[in-house]
PDB file of N, CA and C in Angstrom:
ATOM      1  N   UNK A   1    -133.527   5.609  12.179  1.00  0.00           N
ATOM      2  CA  UNK A   1    -133.332   4.342  11.812  1.00  0.00           C
ATOM      3  C   UNK A   1    -134.030   3.565  10.996  1.00  0.00           C
ATOM      4  N   UNK A   2    -133.116   2.884   9.942  1.00  0.00           N
ATOM      5  CA  UNK A   2    -133.578   2.256   9.029  1.00  0.00           C
ATOM      6  C   UNK A   2    -134.466   0.866   9.468  1.00  0.00           C
ATOM      7  N   UNK A   3    -135.590   0.829   9.412  1.00  0.00           N
ATOM      8  CA  UNK A   3    -135.904  -0.493  10.183  1.00  0.00           C
ATOM      9  C   UNK A   3    -135.433  -1.504   9.049  1.00  0.00           C
ATOM     10  N   UNK A   4    -135.448  -1.623   7.676  1.00  0.00           N
ATOM     11  CA  UNK A   4    -135.150  -2.356   6.819  1.00  0.00           C
ATOM     12  C   UNK A   4    -133.752  -3.059   6.965  1.00  0.00           C
ATOM     13  N   UNK A   5    -133.179  -2.730   7.718  1.00  0.00           N
ATOM     14  CA  UNK A   5    -131.454  -3.286   7.671  1.00  0.00           C
ATOM     15  C   UNK A   5    -131.798  -4.618   8.821  1.00  0.00           C
ATOM     16  N   UNK A   6    -132.678  -4.584   9.502  1.00  0.00           N
ATOM     17  CA  UNK A   6    -133.133  -5.887   9.886  1.00  0.00           C
ATOM     18  C   UNK A   6    -133.230  -7.066   9.177  1.00  0.00           C
ATOM     19  N   UNK A   7    -133.831  -6.607   8.035  1.00  0.00           N
ATOM     20  CA  UNK A   7    -133.960  -7.858   7.207  1.00  0.00           C
ATOM     21  C   UNK A   7    -133.016  -8.578   6.352  1.00  0.00           C
ATOM     22  N   UNK A   8    -131.984  -7.451   6.458  1.00  0.00           N
ATOM     23  CA  UNK A   8    -130.749  -7.908   5.805  1.00  0.00           C
ATOM     24  C   UNK A   8    -129.727  -8.776   7.033  1.00  0.00           C
ATOM     25  N   UNK A   9    -129.997  -8.700   8.226  1.00  0.00           N
ATOM     26  CA  UNK A   9    -129.360  -9.273   9.365  1.00  0.00           C
ATOM     27  C   UNK A   9    -129.254 -11.114   9.265  1.00  0.00           C
ATOM     28  N   UNK A  10    -128.001 -11.193   9.144  1.00  0.00           N
ATOM     29  CA  UNK A  10    -127.585 -12.866   9.099  1.00  0.00           C
ATOM     30  C   UNK A  10    -127.096 -13.132   9.850  1.00  0.00           C
ATOM     31  N   UNK A  11    -126.528 -14.256   9.962  1.00  0.00           N
ATOM     32  CA  UNK A  11    -125.456 -15.054  10.863  1.00  0.00           C
ATOM     33  C   UNK A  11    -124.258 -14.763  10.543  1.00  0.00           C
ATOM     34  N   UNK A  12    -123.537 -14.423  11.558  1.00  0.00           N
ATOM     35  CA  UNK A  12    -122.146 -13.897  11.536  1.00  0.00           C
ATOM     36  C   UNK A  12    -121.427 -13.457  12.899  1.00  0.00           C
ATOM     37  N   UNK A  13    -120.504 -12.575  12.761  1.00  0.00           N
ATOM     38  CA  UNK A  13    -119.776 -11.951  14.269  1.00  0.00           C
ATOM     39  C   UNK A  13    -120.039 -10.757  14.603  1.00  0.00           C
ATOM     40  N   UNK A  14    -120.909 -10.396  15.651  1.00  0.00           N
ATOM     41  CA  UNK A  14    -121.135  -8.813  15.916  1.00  0.00           C
ATOM     42  C   UNK A  14    -120.034  -8.547  17.134  1.00  0.00           C
ATOM     43  N   UNK A  15    -119.907  -7.145  17.241  1.00  0.00           N
ATOM     44  CA  UNK A  15    -119.819  -6.402  18.402  1.00  0.00           C
ATOM     45  C   UNK A  15    -120.941  -5.986  18.902  1.00  0.00           C
ATOM     46  N   UNK A  16    -120.958  -6.001  20.419  1.00  0.00           N
ATOM     47  CA  UNK A  16    -122.091  -6.045  20.885  1.00  0.00           C
ATOM     48  C   UNK A  16    -121.375  -5.063  22.472  1.00  0.00           C
ATOM     49  N   UNK A  17    -121.831  -3.801  22.334  1.00  0.00           N
ATOM     50  CA  UNK A  17    -121.240  -2.750  23.434  1.00  0.00           C
ATOM     51  C   UNK A  17    -122.585  -2.174  24.279  1.00  0.00           C
ATOM     52  N   UNK A  18    -122.040  -1.852  25.362  1.00  0.00           N
ATOM     53  CA  UNK A  18    -122.551  -1.216  26.061  1.00  0.00           C
ATOM     54  C   UNK A  18    -122.201   0.141  26.976  1.00  0.00           C
ATOM     55  N   UNK A  19    -122.672   0.854  27.812  1.00  0.00           N
ATOM     56  CA  UNK A  19    -122.300   1.830  28.394  1.00  0.00           C
ATOM     57  C   UNK A  19    -122.831   2.038  29.644  1.00  0.00           C
ATOM     58  N   UNK A  20    -122.452   2.190  30.761  1.00  0.00           N
ATOM     59  CA  UNK A  20    -122.919   1.828  32.191  1.00  0.00           C
ATOM     60  C   UNK A  20    -122.046   2.911  33.314  1.00  0.00           C
ATOM     61  N   UNK A  21    -122.410   3.517  33.802  1.00  0.00           N
ATOM     62  CA  UNK A  21    -121.583   4.248  34.993  1.00  0.00           C
ATOM     63  C   UNK A  21    -120.787   4.991  34.169  1.00  0.00           C
ATOM     64  N   UNK A  22    -120.988   5.794  33.107  1.00  0.00           N
ATOM     65  CA  UNK A  22    -119.691   6.261  32.314  1.00  0.00           C
ATOM     66  C   UNK A  22    -118.686   5.791  31.947  1.00  0.00           C
ATOM     67  N   UNK A  23    -118.848   4.294  32.200  1.00  0.00           N
ATOM     68  CA  UNK A  23    -117.896   3.355  31.286  1.00  0.00           C
ATOM     69  C   UNK A  23    -118.335   2.609  30.175  1.00  0.00           C
ATOM     70  N   UNK A  24    -117.381   2.158  29.503  1.00  0.00           N
ATOM     71  CA  UNK A  24    -117.854   1.335  27.860  1.00  0.00           C
ATOM     72  C   UNK A  24    -117.092   0.184  28.033  1.00  0.00           C
ATOM     73  N   UNK A  25    -118.154  -0.843  27.601  1.00  0.00           N
ATOM     74  CA  UNK A  25    -116.975  -2.032  27.432  1.00  0.00           C
ATOM     75  C   UNK A  25    -117.935  -3.063  26.010  1.00  0.00           C
ATOM     76  N   UNK A  26    -117.554  -3.944  25.670  1.00  0.00           N
ATOM     77  CA  UNK A  26    -117.648  -4.706  24.632  1.00  0.00           C
ATOM     78  C   UNK A  26    -117.189  -5.848  24.522  1.00  0.00           C
ATOM     79  N   UNK A  27    -117.955  -6.775  23.858  1.00  0.00           N
ATOM     80  CA  UNK A  27    -117.251  -8.052  23.464  1.00  0.00           C
ATOM     81  C   UNK A  27    -117.837  -8.842  22.106  1.00  0.00           C
ATOM     82  N   UNK A  28    -117.473  -9.526  21.709  1.00  0.00           N
ATOM     83  CA  UNK A  28    -117.763 -10.489  20.327  1.00  0.00           C
ATOM     84  C   UNK A  28    -118.917 -11.434  20.728  1.00  0.00           C
ATOM     85  N   UNK A  29    -119.659 -11.433  19.850  1.00  0.00           N
ATOM     86  CA  UNK A  29    -120.972 -12.129  20.132  1.00  0.00           C
ATOM     87  C   UNK A  29    -121.203 -12.900  18.665  1.00  0.00           C
ATOM     88  N   UNK A  30    -121.928 -14.284  18.749  1.00  0.00           N
ATOM     89  CA  UNK A  30    -122.234 -14.502  17.130  1.00  0.00           C
ATOM     90  C   UNK A  30    -123.841 -14.940  16.695  1.00  0.00           C
ATOM     91  N   UNK A  31    -124.535 -14.223  18.149  1.00  0.00           N
ATOM     92  CA  UNK A  31    -125.962 -14.461  17.874  1.00  0.00           C
ATOM     93  C   UNK A  31    -126.538 -12.793  18.109  1.00  0.00           C
ATOM     94  N   UNK A  32    -127.304 -12.565  17.036  1.00  0.00           N
ATOM     95  CA  UNK A  32    -128.023 -11.174  16.914  1.00  0.00           C
ATOM     96  C   UNK A  32    -129.176 -11.383  15.973  1.00  0.00           C
ATOM     97  N   UNK A  33    -130.432 -11.246  16.406  1.00  0.00           N
ATOM     98  CA  UNK A  33    -131.436 -11.859  15.547  1.00  0.00           C
ATOM     99  C   UNK A  33    -132.514 -11.058  15.974  1.00  0.00           C
ATOM    100  N   UNK A  34    -133.316 -10.563  14.767  1.00  0.00           N
ATOM    101  CA  UNK A  34    -134.900 -10.163  14.944  1.00  0.00           C
ATOM    102  C   UNK A  34    -135.524 -10.793  15.678  1.00  0.00           C
ATOM    103  N   UNK A  35    -136.385 -10.489  16.549  1.00  0.00           N
ATOM    104  CA  UNK A  35    -137.330 -11.412  17.570  1.00  0.00           C
ATOM    105  C   UNK A  35    -138.554 -11.295  17.005  1.00  0.00           C
ATOM    106  N   UNK A  36    -138.834  -9.666  16.481  1.00  0.00           N
ATOM    107  CA  UNK A  36    -140.038  -9.491  16.535  1.00  0.00           C
ATOM    108  C   UNK A  36    -139.953  -8.175  15.578  1.00  0.00           C
ATOM    109  N   UNK A  37    -141.307  -8.018  14.866  1.00  0.00           N
ATOM    110  CA  UNK A  37    -141.189  -6.733  13.647  1.00  0.00           C
ATOM    111  C   UNK A  37    -142.232  -5.725  14.422  1.00  0.00           C
ATOM    112  N   UNK A  38    -142.964  -6.001  15.214  1.00  0.00           N
ATOM    113  CA  UNK A  38    -143.922  -4.704  15.838  1.00  0.00           C
ATOM    114  C   UNK A  38    -144.230  -5.333  17.138  1.00  0.00           C
ATOM    115  N   UNK A  39    -143.467  -4.549  18.129  1.00  0.00           N
ATOM    116  CA  UNK A  39    -142.595  -3.515  17.796  1.00  0.00           C
ATOM    117  C   UNK A  39    -141.333  -4.033  17.326  1.00  0.00           C
ATOM    118  N   UNK A  40    -140.199  -3.419  16.925  1.00  0.00           N
ATOM    119  CA  UNK A  40    -139.100  -3.846  16.440  1.00  0.00           C
ATOM    120  C   UNK A  40    -138.158  -4.162  17.701  1.00  0.00           C
ATOM    121  N   UNK A  41    -137.925  -5.827  17.751  1.00  0.00           N
ATOM    122  CA  UNK A  41    -136.917  -6.287  18.934  1.00  0.00           C
ATOM    123  C   UNK A  41    -135.680  -7.125  18.173  1.00  0.00           C
ATOM    124  N   UNK A  42    -134.674  -6.917  18.878  1.00  0.00           N
ATOM    125  CA  UNK A  42    -133.637  -7.467  18.661  1.00  0.00           C
ATOM    126  C   UNK A  42    -133.329  -8.412  19.745  1.00  0.00           C
ATOM    127  N   UNK A  43    -132.806  -9.765  19.354  1.00  0.00           N
ATOM    128  CA  UNK A  43    -132.525 -10.670  20.796  1.00  0.00           C
ATOM    129  C   UNK A  43    -130.629 -10.718  20.348  1.00  0.00           C
ATOM    130  N   UNK A  44    -130.089 -11.076  21.539  1.00  0.00           N
ATOM    131  CA  UNK A  44    -128.632 -11.162  21.486  1.00  0.00           C
ATOM    132  C   UNK A  44    -128.280 -11.819  22.591  1.00  0.00           C
ATOM    133  N   UNK A  45    -127.640 -12.919  22.432  1.00  0.00           N
ATOM    134  CA  UNK A  45    -126.953 -13.779  23.290  1.00  0.00           C
ATOM    135  C   UNK A  45    -125.749 -13.415  24.011  1.00  0.00           C
ATOM    136  N   UNK A  46    -125.155 -13.305  25.281  1.00  0.00           N
ATOM    137  CA  UNK A  46    -124.097 -13.071  25.342  1.00  0.00           C
ATOM    138  C   UNK A  46    -123.735 -13.970  27.192  1.00  0.00           C
ATOM    139  N   UNK A  47    -122.665 -14.003  27.332  1.00  0.00           N
ATOM    140  CA  UNK A  47    -122.389 -14.879  28.228  1.00  0.00           C
ATOM    141  C   UNK A  47    -123.007 -14.032  29.942  1.00  0.00           C
ATOM    142  N   UNK A  48    -123.449 -14.823  30.468  1.00  0.00           N
ATOM    143  CA  UNK A  48    -124.081 -14.019  31.796  1.00  0.00           C
ATOM    144  C   UNK A  48    -123.108 -13.657  32.593  1.00  0.00           C
ATOM    145  N   UNK A  49    -121.902 -14.301  32.716  1.00  0.00           N
ATOM    146  CA  UNK A  49    -120.807 -14.052  33.629  1.00  0.00           C
ATOM    147  C   UNK A  49    -119.973 -12.666  32.991  1.00  0.00           C
ATOM    148  N   UNK A  50    -120.404 -12.143  31.718  1.00  0.00           N
ATOM    149  CA  UNK A  50    -119.486 -11.420  30.971  1.00  0.00           C
ATOM    150  C   UNK A  50    -119.829 -10.274  31.514  1.00  0.00           C
ATOM    151  N   UNK A  51    -118.537  -9.202  31.772  1.00  0.00           N
ATOM    152  CA  UNK A  51    -118.966  -7.884  31.959  1.00  0.00           C
ATOM    153  C   UNK A  51    -120.145  -6.643  31.059  1.00  0.00           C
ATOM    154  N   UNK A  52    -119.763  -7.054  30.022  1.00  0.00           N
ATOM    155  CA  UNK A  52    -120.866  -6.518  29.091  1.00  0.00           C
ATOM    156  C   UNK A  52    -122.420  -6.858  29.359  1.00  0.00           C
ATOM    157  N   UNK A  53    -122.557  -7.814  29.821  1.00  0.00           N
ATOM    158  CA  UNK A  53    -123.980  -8.341  30.082  1.00  0.00           C
ATOM    159  C   UNK A  53    -124.394  -7.612  31.191  1.00  0.00           C
ATOM    160  N   UNK A  54    -123.520  -7.601  32.403  1.00  0.00           N
ATOM    161  CA  UNK A  54    -123.743  -6.958  33.705  1.00  0.00           C
ATOM    162  C   UNK A  54    -124.190  -5.192  33.294  1.00  0.00           C
ATOM    163  N   UNK A  55    -123.475  -4.712  32.108  1.00  0.00           N
ATOM    164  CA  UNK A  55    -123.728  -3.299  31.797  1.00  0.00           C
ATOM    165  C   UNK A  55    -124.879  -3.188  31.106  1.00  0.00           C
ATOM    166  N   UNK A  56    -125.482  -4.164  30.390  1.00  0.00           N
ATOM    167  CA  UNK A  56    -126.661  -4.170  29.600  1.00  0.00           C
ATOM    168  C   UNK A  56    -127.612  -4.102  30.706  1.00  0.00           C
ATOM    169  N   UNK A  57    -127.640  -5.127  31.647  1.00  0.00           N
ATOM    170  CA  UNK A  57    -128.820  -5.027  32.793  1.00  0.00           C
ATOM    171  C   UNK A  57    -128.623  -3.721  33.482  1.00  0.00           C
ATOM    172  N   UNK A  58    -127.630  -3.367  34.009  1.00  0.00           N
ATOM    173  CA  UNK A  58    -127.520  -2.055  34.582  1.00  0.00           C
ATOM    174  C   UNK A  58    -128.160  -0.896  33.737  1.00  0.00           C
ATOM    175  N   UNK A  59    -127.950  -0.514  32.338  1.00  0.00           N
ATOM    176  CA  UNK A  59    -128.300   0.472  31.617  1.00  0.00           C
ATOM    177  C   UNK A  59    -129.550   0.237  30.801  1.00  0.00           C
ATOM    178  N   UNK A  60    -129.733  -1.168  30.635  1.00  0.00           N
ATOM    179  CA  UNK A  60    -131.106  -1.247  29.838  1.00  0.00           C
ATOM    180  C   UNK A  60    -130.733  -1.085  28.324  1.00  0.00           C
ATOM    181  N   UNK A  61    -129.558  -0.894  27.882  1.00  0.00           N
ATOM    182  CA  UNK A  61    -129.759  -0.367  26.640  1.00  0.00           C
ATOM    183  C   UNK A  61    -127.923  -1.095  25.912  1.00  0.00           C
ATOM    184  N   UNK A  62    -127.903  -1.352  24.661  1.00  0.00           N
ATOM    185  CA  UNK A  62    -126.763  -1.932  24.135  1.00  0.00           C
ATOM    186  C   UNK A  62    -126.630  -1.324  22.897  1.00  0.00           C
ATOM    187  N   UNK A  63    -125.519  -1.617  21.764  1.00  0.00           N
ATOM    188  CA  UNK A  63    -125.237  -1.584  20.748  1.00  0.00           C
ATOM    189  C   UNK A  63    -124.770  -2.587  19.986  1.00  0.00           C
ATOM    190  N   UNK A  64    -125.191  -2.998  18.570  1.00  0.00           N
ATOM    191  CA  UNK A  64    -124.889  -4.261  18.133  1.00  0.00           C
ATOM    192  C   UNK A  64    -124.149  -3.482  16.454  1.00  0.00           C
ATOM    193  N   UNK A  65    -123.002  -3.944  16.267  1.00  0.00           N
ATOM    194  CA  UNK A  65    -122.271  -3.648  15.170  1.00  0.00           C
ATOM    195  C   UNK A  65    -121.935  -4.844  14.289  1.00  0.00           C
ATOM    196  N   UNK A  66    -122.256  -4.987  13.176  1.00  0.00           N
ATOM    197  CA  UNK A  66    -122.145  -6.115  12.402  1.00  0.00           C
ATOM    198  C   UNK A  66    -120.595  -6.015  12.111  1.00  0.00           C
ATOM    199  N   UNK A  67    -119.797  -7.060  11.972  1.00  0.00           N
ATOM    200  CA  UNK A  67    -118.582  -7.247  11.743  1.00  0.00           C
ATOM    201  C   UNK A  67    -118.491  -7.899  10.644  1.00  0.00           C
ATOM    202  N   UNK A  68    -117.419  -7.266   9.631  1.00  0.00           N
ATOM    203  CA  UNK A  68    -117.146  -7.729   8.197  1.00  0.00           C
ATOM    204  C   UNK A  68    -116.885  -9.472   8.154  1.00  0.00           C
ATOM    205  N   UNK A  69    -116.635 -10.112   7.302  1.00  0.00           N
ATOM    206  CA  UNK A  69    -115.706 -11.176   6.980  1.00  0.00           C
ATOM    207  C   UNK A  69    -114.410 -10.809   7.164  1.00  0.00           C
ATOM    208  N   UNK A  70    -113.695  -9.689   6.721  1.00  0.00           N
ATOM    209  CA  UNK A  70    -112.266  -9.443   6.939  1.00  0.00           C
ATOM    210  C   UNK A  70    -111.818  -9.214   8.390  1.00  0.00           C
ATOM    211  N   UNK A  71    -112.772  -9.221   9.204  1.00  0.00           N
ATOM    212  CA  UNK A  71    -112.534  -8.615  10.565  1.00  0.00           C
ATOM    213  C   UNK A  71    -111.804  -9.746  11.548  1.00  0.00           C
TER     214      UNK A  71
END
């Protein structure tokens, strides 16, 4: 992974996805920030009642994709 990508992370919209129990789900969020550099940590905000949030809690993993302005 290219750690310098975190330095370019700015305000915008993101696709937050998770996989749990063989199922995939995702939602659009507007908060994804680098919260530490050593170890490299990313913080995201997602509504607790959102199914994607439940899947992240179950799997302990997620993916964040930056959406373009044209999205």
